[in-house]
PDB file of N, CA and C in Angstrom:
ATOM      1  N   MET A   1      30.956 128.171 -51.865  1.00  0.00           N
ATOM      2  CA  MET A   1      31.027 128.093 -50.413  1.00  0.00           C
ATOM      3  C   MET A   1      29.625 128.347 -49.863  1.00  0.00           C
ATOM      4  N   THR A   2      29.170 127.527 -48.975  1.00  0.00           N
ATOM      5  CA  THR A   2      27.843 127.693 -48.405  1.00  0.00           C
ATOM      6  C   THR A   2      27.848 128.811 -47.378  1.00  0.00           C
ATOM      7  N   CYS A   3      26.642 129.253 -47.008  1.00  0.00           N
ATOM      8  CA  CYS A   3      26.535 130.321 -46.012  1.00  0.00           C
ATOM      9  C   CYS A   3      27.107 129.875 -44.673  1.00  0.00           C
ATOM     10  N   CYS A   4      26.885 128.627 -44.307  1.00  0.00           N
ATOM     11  CA  CYS A   4      27.391 128.150 -43.015  1.00  0.00           C
ATOM     12  C   CYS A   4      28.910 128.180 -42.982  1.00  0.00           C
ATOM     13  N   ARG A   5      29.539 127.758 -44.060  1.00  0.00           N
ATOM     14  CA  ARG A   5      31.003 127.798 -44.102  1.00  0.00           C
ATOM     15  C   ARG A   5      31.501 129.230 -44.094  1.00  0.00           C
ATOM     16  N   THR A   6      30.799 130.083 -44.840  1.00  0.00           N
ATOM     17  CA  THR A   6      31.201 131.482 -44.894  1.00  0.00           C
ATOM     18  C   THR A   6      31.040 132.132 -43.533  1.00  0.00           C
ATOM     19  N   CYS A   7      29.931 131.822 -42.841  1.00  0.00           N
ATOM     20  CA  CYS A   7      29.693 132.405 -41.514  1.00  0.00           C
ATOM     21  C   CYS A   7      30.779 132.001 -40.528  1.00  0.00           C
ATOM     22  N   SER A   8      31.309 130.817 -40.693  1.00  0.00           N
ATOM     23  CA  SER A   8      32.342 130.389 -39.756  1.00  0.00           C
ATOM     24  C   SER A   8      33.734 130.831 -40.192  1.00  0.00           C
ATOM     25  N   SER A   9      33.937 131.096 -41.482  1.00  0.00           N
ATOM     26  CA  SER A   9      35.275 131.474 -41.941  1.00  0.00           C
ATOM     27  C   SER A   9      35.501 132.983 -41.972  1.00  0.00           C
ATOM     28  N   ARG A  10      34.480 133.756 -42.217  1.00  0.00           N
ATOM     29  CA  ARG A  10      34.676 135.206 -42.284  1.00  0.00           C
ATOM     30  C   ARG A  10      35.117 135.804 -40.954  1.00  0.00           C
ATOM     31  N   PRO A  11      34.480 135.447 -39.838  1.00  0.00           N
ATOM     32  CA  PRO A  11      34.990 135.999 -38.574  1.00  0.00           C
ATOM     33  C   PRO A  11      36.439 135.613 -38.313  1.00  0.00           C
ATOM     34  N   CYS A  12      36.835 134.439 -38.755  1.00  0.00           N
ATOM     35  CA  CYS A  12      38.233 134.041 -38.596  1.00  0.00           C
ATOM     36  C   CYS A  12      39.144 134.919 -39.441  1.00  0.00           C
ATOM     37  N   ALA A  13      38.666 135.309 -40.595  1.00  0.00           N
ATOM     38  CA  ALA A  13      39.456 136.186 -41.454  1.00  0.00           C
ATOM     39  C   ALA A  13      39.588 137.573 -40.831  1.00  0.00           C
ATOM     40  N   ARG A  14      38.645 137.949 -39.984  1.00  0.00           N
ATOM     41  CA  ARG A  14      38.692 139.241 -39.300  1.00  0.00           C
ATOM     42  C   ARG A  14      39.311 139.115 -37.911  1.00  0.00           C
ATOM     43  N   ALA A  15      40.021 138.062 -37.669  1.00  0.00           N
ATOM     44  CA  ALA A  15      40.554 137.771 -36.332  1.00  0.00           C
ATOM     45  C   ALA A  15      41.499 138.856 -35.836  1.00  0.00           C
ATOM     46  N   ASN A  16      42.215 139.526 -36.733  1.00  0.00           N
ATOM     47  CA  ASN A  16      43.137 140.565 -36.283  1.00  0.00           C
ATOM     48  C   ASN A  16      42.389 141.720 -35.620  1.00  0.00           C
ATOM     49  N   ALA A  17      41.136 141.955 -36.005  1.00  0.00           N
ATOM     50  CA  ALA A  17      40.329 142.994 -35.375  1.00  0.00           C
ATOM     51  C   ALA A  17      39.768 142.517 -34.035  1.00  0.00           C
ATOM     52  N   PHE A  18      39.806 141.215 -33.801  1.00  0.00           N
ATOM     53  CA  PHE A  18      39.231 140.644 -32.590  1.00  0.00           C
ATOM     54  C   PHE A  18      39.968 141.088 -31.329  1.00  0.00           C
ATOM     55  N   CYS A  19      41.238 141.334 -31.420  1.00  0.00           N
ATOM     56  CA  CYS A  19      42.032 141.707 -30.250  1.00  0.00           C
ATOM     57  C   CYS A  19      41.565 143.025 -29.629  1.00  0.00           C
ATOM     58  N   SER A  20      41.013 143.912 -30.425  1.00  0.00           N
ATOM     59  CA  SER A  20      40.583 145.201 -29.906  1.00  0.00           C
ATOM     60  C   SER A  20      39.081 145.240 -29.591  1.00  0.00           C
ATOM     61  N   VAL A  21      38.398 144.102 -29.681  1.00  0.00           N
ATOM     62  CA  VAL A  21      36.961 144.045 -29.444  1.00  0.00           C
ATOM     63  C   VAL A  21      36.664 144.004 -27.952  1.00  0.00           C
ATOM     64  N   GLN A  22      35.660 144.798 -27.541  1.00  0.00           N
ATOM     65  CA  GLN A  22      35.256 144.808 -26.139  1.00  0.00           C
ATOM     66  C   GLN A  22      34.293 143.669 -25.827  1.00  0.00           C
ATOM     67  N   ASN A  23      33.404 143.344 -26.782  1.00  0.00           N
ATOM     68  CA  ASN A  23      32.396 142.317 -26.582  1.00  0.00           C
ATOM     69  C   ASN A  23      32.533 141.282 -27.699  1.00  0.00           C
ATOM     70  N   ALA A  24      33.202 140.178 -27.412  1.00  0.00           N
ATOM     71  CA  ALA A  24      33.480 139.167 -28.436  1.00  0.00           C
ATOM     72  C   ALA A  24      32.209 138.542 -28.976  1.00  0.00           C
ATOM     73  N   ARG A  25      31.231 138.353 -28.121  1.00  0.00           N
ATOM     74  CA  ARG A  25      29.981 137.728 -28.552  1.00  0.00           C
ATOM     75  C   ARG A  25      29.264 138.627 -29.568  1.00  0.00           C
ATOM     76  N   ALA A  26      29.213 139.926 -29.294  1.00  0.00           N
ATOM     77  CA  ALA A  26      28.573 140.864 -30.214  1.00  0.00           C
ATOM     78  C   ALA A  26      29.351 140.950 -31.518  1.00  0.00           C
ATOM     79  N   TRP A  27      30.669 140.912 -31.439  1.00  0.00           N
ATOM     80  CA  TRP A  27      31.520 140.962 -32.628  1.00  0.00           C
ATOM     81  C   TRP A  27      31.258 139.758 -33.525  1.00  0.00           C
ATOM     82  N   LEU A  28      31.162 138.589 -32.927  1.00  0.00           N
ATOM     83  CA  LEU A  28      30.917 137.362 -33.686  1.00  0.00           C
ATOM     84  C   LEU A  28      29.508 137.386 -34.281  1.00  0.00           C
ATOM     85  N   PHE A  29      28.526 137.830 -33.491  1.00  0.00           N
ATOM     86  CA  PHE A  29      27.156 137.907 -33.981  1.00  0.00           C
ATOM     87  C   PHE A  29      27.054 138.864 -35.159  1.00  0.00           C
ATOM     88  N   GLU A  30      27.709 140.012 -35.063  1.00  0.00           N
ATOM     89  CA  GLU A  30      27.662 140.987 -36.148  1.00  0.00           C
ATOM     90  C   GLU A  30      28.257 140.413 -37.431  1.00  0.00           C
ATOM     91  N   GLY A  31      29.373 139.732 -37.310  1.00  0.00           N
ATOM     92  CA  GLY A  31      29.996 139.121 -38.485  1.00  0.00           C
ATOM     93  C   GLY A  31      29.108 138.058 -39.107  1.00  0.00           C
ATOM     94  N   ALA A  32      28.497 137.217 -38.269  1.00  0.00           N
ATOM     95  CA  ALA A  32      27.611 136.171 -38.781  1.00  0.00           C
ATOM     96  C   ALA A  32      26.366 136.777 -39.420  1.00  0.00           C
ATOM     97  N   ARG A  33      25.788 137.798 -38.782  1.00  0.00           N
ATOM     98  CA  ARG A  33      24.590 138.446 -39.320  1.00  0.00           C
ATOM     99  C   ARG A  33      24.878 139.100 -40.669  1.00  0.00           C
ATOM    100  N   ASN A  34      25.977 139.808 -40.770  1.00  0.00           N
ATOM    101  CA  ASN A  34      26.328 140.470 -42.024  1.00  0.00           C
ATOM    102  C   ASN A  34      26.607 139.464 -43.134  1.00  0.00           C
ATOM    103  N   THR A  35      27.260 138.365 -42.774  1.00  0.00           N
ATOM    104  CA  THR A  35      27.555 137.330 -43.765  1.00  0.00           C
ATOM    105  C   THR A  35      26.272 136.671 -44.253  1.00  0.00           C
ATOM    106  N   LEU A  36      25.359 136.388 -43.339  1.00  0.00           N
ATOM    107  CA  LEU A  36      24.082 135.792 -43.729  1.00  0.00           C
ATOM    108  C   LEU A  36      23.302 136.747 -44.620  1.00  0.00           C
ATOM    109  N   ALA A  37      23.295 138.015 -44.285  1.00  0.00           N
ATOM    110  CA  ALA A  37      22.601 139.008 -45.118  1.00  0.00           C
ATOM    111  C   ALA A  37      23.210 139.047 -46.517  1.00  0.00           C
ATOM    112  N   ASP A  38      24.531 138.977 -46.615  1.00  0.00           N
ATOM    113  CA  ASP A  38      25.197 138.949 -47.921  1.00  0.00           C
ATOM    114  C   ASP A  38      24.783 137.714 -48.713  1.00  0.00           C
ATOM    115  N   CYS A  39      24.754 136.558 -48.043  1.00  0.00           N
ATOM    116  CA  CYS A  39      24.370 135.316 -48.721  1.00  0.00           C
ATOM    117  C   CYS A  39      22.939 135.384 -49.225  1.00  0.00           C
ATOM    118  N   LEU A  40      22.040 135.894 -48.414  1.00  0.00           N
ATOM    119  CA  LEU A  40      20.640 135.991 -48.819  1.00  0.00           C
ATOM    120  C   LEU A  40      20.456 136.983 -49.952  1.00  0.00           C
ATOM    121  N   ARG A  41      21.217 138.059 -49.932  1.00  0.00           N
ATOM    122  CA  ARG A  41      21.131 139.059 -50.994  1.00  0.00           C
ATOM    123  C   ARG A  41      21.591 138.468 -52.325  1.00  0.00           C
ATOM    124  N   VAL A  42      22.640 137.686 -52.304  1.00  0.00           N
ATOM    125  CA  VAL A  42      23.170 137.083 -53.524  1.00  0.00           C
ATOM    126  C   VAL A  42      22.238 135.981 -54.029  1.00  0.00           C
ATOM    127  N   ALA A  43      21.632 135.223 -53.114  1.00  0.00           N
ATOM    128  CA  ALA A  43      20.792 134.091 -53.493  1.00  0.00           C
ATOM    129  C   ALA A  43      19.362 134.489 -53.828  1.00  0.00           C
ATOM    130  N   ARG A  44      19.037 135.767 -53.744  1.00  0.00           N
ATOM    131  CA  ARG A  44      17.666 136.219 -53.984  1.00  0.00           C
ATOM    132  C   ARG A  44      17.226 135.843 -55.393  1.00  0.00           C
ATOM    133  N   ALA A  45      16.054 135.250 -55.476  1.00  0.00           N
ATOM    134  CA  ALA A  45      15.516 134.855 -56.774  1.00  0.00           C
ATOM    135  C   ALA A  45      15.065 136.089 -57.545  1.00  0.00           C
ATOM    136  N   THR A  46      15.304 136.079 -58.824  1.00  0.00           N
ATOM    137  CA  THR A  46      14.872 137.181 -59.673  1.00  0.00           C
ATOM    138  C   THR A  46      13.948 136.638 -60.755  1.00  0.00           C
ATOM    139  N   VAL A  47      13.142 137.504 -61.287  1.00  0.00           N
ATOM    140  CA  VAL A  47      12.185 137.124 -62.321  1.00  0.00           C
ATOM    141  C   VAL A  47      12.410 138.033 -63.518  1.00  0.00           C
ATOM    142  N   GLU A  48      12.479 137.429 -64.696  1.00  0.00           N
ATOM    143  CA  GLU A  48      12.613 138.219 -65.917  1.00  0.00           C
ATOM    144  C   GLU A  48      11.296 138.925 -66.201  1.00  0.00           C
ATOM    145  N   LEU A  49      11.361 140.192 -66.515  1.00  0.00           N
ATOM    146  CA  LEU A  49      10.166 140.952 -66.840  1.00  0.00           C
ATOM    147  C   LEU A  49       9.859 140.841 -68.327  1.00  0.00           C
ATOM    148  N   PRO A  50       8.578 140.723 -68.671  1.00  0.00           N
ATOM    149  CA  PRO A  50       8.233 140.645 -70.095  1.00  0.00           C
ATOM    150  C   PRO A  50       8.510 141.973 -70.796  1.00  0.00           C
ATOM    151  N   VAL A  51       8.802 141.899 -72.064  1.00  0.00           N
ATOM    152  CA  VAL A  51       9.142 143.079 -72.849  1.00  0.00           C
ATOM    153  C   VAL A  51       7.951 144.022 -72.950  1.00  0.00           C
ATOM    154  N   ASP A  52       6.740 143.497 -73.007  1.00  0.00           N
ATOM    155  CA  ASP A  52       5.544 144.318 -73.192  1.00  0.00           C
ATOM    156  C   ASP A  52       4.958 144.812 -71.867  1.00  0.00           C
ATOM    157  N   LEU A  53       5.765 144.897 -70.833  1.00  0.00           N
ATOM    158  CA  LEU A  53       5.295 145.302 -69.522  1.00  0.00           C
ATOM    159  C   LEU A  53       5.067 146.808 -69.405  1.00  0.00           C
ATOM    160  N   ALA A  54       5.611 147.573 -70.304  1.00  0.00           N
ATOM    161  CA  ALA A  54       5.511 149.033 -70.221  1.00  0.00           C
ATOM    162  C   ALA A  54       4.054 149.469 -70.167  1.00  0.00           C
ATOM    163  N   ALA A  55       3.794 150.492 -69.381  1.00  0.00           N
ATOM    164  CA  ALA A  55       2.437 151.012 -69.253  1.00  0.00           C
ATOM    165  C   ALA A  55       2.013 151.654 -70.572  1.00  0.00           C
ATOM    166  N   PRO A  56       0.755 151.494 -70.930  1.00  0.00           N
ATOM    167  CA  PRO A  56       0.292 152.123 -72.177  1.00  0.00           C
ATOM    168  C   PRO A  56       0.306 153.643 -72.036  1.00  0.00           C
ATOM    169  N   ALA A  57       0.667 154.309 -73.095  1.00  0.00           N
ATOM    170  CA  ALA A  57       0.728 155.769 -73.086  1.00  0.00           C
ATOM    171  C   ALA A  57      -0.688 156.340 -73.101  1.00  0.00           C
ATOM    172  N   ASP A  58      -0.911 157.366 -72.298  1.00  0.00           N
ATOM    173  CA  ASP A  58      -2.221 158.021 -72.286  1.00  0.00           C
ATOM    174  C   ASP A  58      -2.409 158.798 -73.579  1.00  0.00           C
ATOM    175  N   ASP A  59      -3.666 158.883 -74.011  1.00  0.00           N
ATOM    176  CA  ASP A  59      -3.947 159.652 -75.216  1.00  0.00           C
ATOM    177  C   ASP A  59      -3.713 161.143 -74.983  1.00  0.00           C
ATOM    178  N   ALA A  60      -4.110 161.620 -73.802  1.00  0.00           N
ATOM    179  CA  ALA A  60      -3.928 163.038 -73.481  1.00  0.00           C
ATOM    180  C   ALA A  60      -2.683 163.192 -72.615  1.00  0.00           C
ATOM    181  N   ASP A  61      -1.808 164.046 -73.012  1.00  0.00           N
ATOM    182  CA  ASP A  61      -0.600 164.301 -72.257  1.00  0.00           C
ATOM    183  C   ASP A  61      -0.963 165.056 -70.979  1.00  0.00           C
ATOM    184  N   THR A  62      -0.336 164.721 -69.869  1.00  0.00           N
ATOM    185  CA  THR A  62      -0.646 165.331 -68.578  1.00  0.00           C
ATOM    186  C   THR A  62      -0.429 166.837 -68.604  1.00  0.00           C
ATOM    187  N   VAL A  63       0.649 167.270 -69.204  1.00  0.00           N
ATOM    188  CA  VAL A  63       0.937 168.710 -69.261  1.00  0.00           C
ATOM    189  C   VAL A  63      -0.143 169.436 -70.045  1.00  0.00           C
ATOM    190  N   ASP A  64      -0.588 168.849 -71.144  1.00  0.00           N
ATOM    191  CA  ASP A  64      -1.649 169.478 -71.942  1.00  0.00           C
ATOM    192  C   ASP A  64      -2.947 169.568 -71.148  1.00  0.00           C
ATOM    193  N   THR A  65      -3.245 168.542 -70.361  1.00  0.00           N
ATOM    194  CA  THR A  65      -4.452 168.541 -69.540  1.00  0.00           C
ATOM    195  C   THR A  65      -4.377 169.637 -68.490  1.00  0.00           C
ATOM    196  N   LEU A  66      -3.229 169.770 -67.837  1.00  0.00           N
ATOM    197  CA  LEU A  66      -3.067 170.815 -66.826  1.00  0.00           C
ATOM    198  C   LEU A  66      -3.110 172.206 -67.454  1.00  0.00           C
ATOM    199  N   THR A  67      -2.529 172.354 -68.615  1.00  0.00           N
ATOM    200  CA  THR A  67      -2.527 173.642 -69.301  1.00  0.00           C
ATOM    201  C   THR A  67      -3.942 174.069 -69.655  1.00  0.00           C
ATOM    202  N   ALA A  68      -4.775 173.117 -69.995  1.00  0.00           N
ATOM    203  CA  ALA A  68      -6.153 173.429 -70.364  1.00  0.00           C
ATOM    204  C   ALA A  68      -6.952 173.955 -69.176  1.00  0.00           C
ATOM    205  N   CYS A  69      -6.703 173.444 -67.970  1.00  0.00           N
ATOM    206  CA  CYS A  69      -7.490 173.877 -66.816  1.00  0.00           C
ATOM    207  C   CYS A  69      -6.835 175.029 -66.049  1.00  0.00           C
ATOM    208  N   LEU A  70      -5.619 175.398 -66.404  1.00  0.00           N
ATOM    209  CA  LEU A  70      -4.905 176.445 -65.681  1.00  0.00           C
ATOM    210  C   LEU A  70      -5.610 177.800 -65.705  1.00  0.00           C
ATOM    211  N   PRO A  71      -6.097 178.284 -66.826  1.00  0.00           N
ATOM    212  CA  PRO A  71      -6.777 179.595 -66.817  1.00  0.00           C
ATOM    213  C   PRO A  71      -7.982 179.612 -65.874  1.00  0.00           C
ATOM    214  N   ARG A  72      -8.754 178.549 -65.838  1.00  0.00           N
ATOM    215  CA  ARG A  72      -9.919 178.503 -64.960  1.00  0.00           C
ATOM    216  C   ARG A  72      -9.499 178.557 -63.499  1.00  0.00           C
ATOM    217  N   VAL A  73      -8.476 177.800 -63.141  1.00  0.00           N
ATOM    218  CA  VAL A  73      -8.014 177.761 -61.756  1.00  0.00           C
ATOM    219  C   VAL A  73      -7.425 179.106 -61.347  1.00  0.00           C
ATOM    220  N   LEU A  74      -6.665 179.730 -62.227  1.00  0.00           N
ATOM    221  CA  LEU A  74      -6.079 181.035 -61.917  1.00  0.00           C
ATOM    222  C   LEU A  74      -7.157 182.099 -61.725  1.00  0.00           C
ATOM    223  N   SER A  75      -8.237 182.000 -62.478  1.00  0.00           N
ATOM    224  CA  SER A  75      -9.311 182.990 -62.341  1.00  0.00           C
ATOM    225  C   SER A  75     -10.047 182.842 -61.007  1.00  0.00           C
ATOM    226  N   GLU A  76      -9.948 181.689 -60.381  1.00  0.00           N
ATOM    227  CA  GLU A  76     -10.627 181.465 -59.104  1.00  0.00           C
ATOM    228  C   GLU A  76      -9.782 181.889 -57.898  1.00  0.00           C
ATOM    229  N   LEU A  77      -8.551 182.329 -58.121  1.00  0.00           N
ATOM    230  CA  LEU A  77      -7.694 182.768 -57.019  1.00  0.00           C
ATOM    231  C   LEU A  77      -8.185 184.082 -56.433  1.00  0.00           C
ATOM    232  N   THR A  78      -7.939 184.263 -55.162  1.00  0.00           N
ATOM    233  CA  THR A  78      -8.276 185.530 -54.515  1.00  0.00           C
ATOM    234  C   THR A  78      -7.263 186.593 -54.944  1.00  0.00           C
ATOM    235  N   ALA A  79      -7.585 187.853 -54.698  1.00  0.00           N
ATOM    236  CA  ALA A  79      -6.683 188.947 -55.055  1.00  0.00           C
ATOM    237  C   ALA A  79      -5.350 188.813 -54.323  1.00  0.00           C
ATOM    238  N   GLU A  80      -5.405 188.390 -53.091  1.00  0.00           N
ATOM    239  CA  GLU A  80      -4.185 188.200 -52.313  1.00  0.00           C
ATOM    240  C   GLU A  80      -3.295 187.129 -52.930  1.00  0.00           C
ATOM    241  N   ASP A  81      -3.892 186.043 -53.422  1.00  0.00           N
ATOM    242  CA  ASP A  81      -3.134 184.959 -54.041  1.00  0.00           C
ATOM    243  C   ASP A  81      -2.527 185.369 -55.380  1.00  0.00           C
ATOM    244  N   HIS A  82      -3.147 186.327 -56.055  1.00  0.00           N
ATOM    245  CA  HIS A  82      -2.616 186.795 -57.347  1.00  0.00           C
ATOM    246  C   HIS A  82      -1.269 187.473 -57.183  1.00  0.00           C
ATOM    247  N   THR A  83      -1.011 188.089 -56.039  1.00  0.00           N
ATOM    248  CA  THR A  83       0.253 188.804 -55.839  1.00  0.00           C
ATOM    249  C   THR A  83       1.413 187.873 -55.548  1.00  0.00           C
ATOM    250  N   LEU A  84       1.157 186.658 -55.213  1.00  0.00           N
ATOM    251  CA  LEU A  84       2.240 185.707 -54.943  1.00  0.00           C
ATOM    252  C   LEU A  84       2.853 185.329 -56.223  1.00  0.00           C
TER     253      LEU A  84
END
């Protein structure tokens, strides 16, 4: 079913809710907008990702790097900061 057919048939399927609508034009617009958004979401083109896309692993682990500089940074703290 094309988007145009769906846009015209879905509001009809929701016709029972139409009786309680205050603004018919807004109700119809909302149904058409939501249906179009659904159609575009389904039709969105996708691209297969290559298997070798993974980022290369760093030689130095981040935690090890931070651990190495931690004593120096802690020694530079003020006395007030040491109590925290």
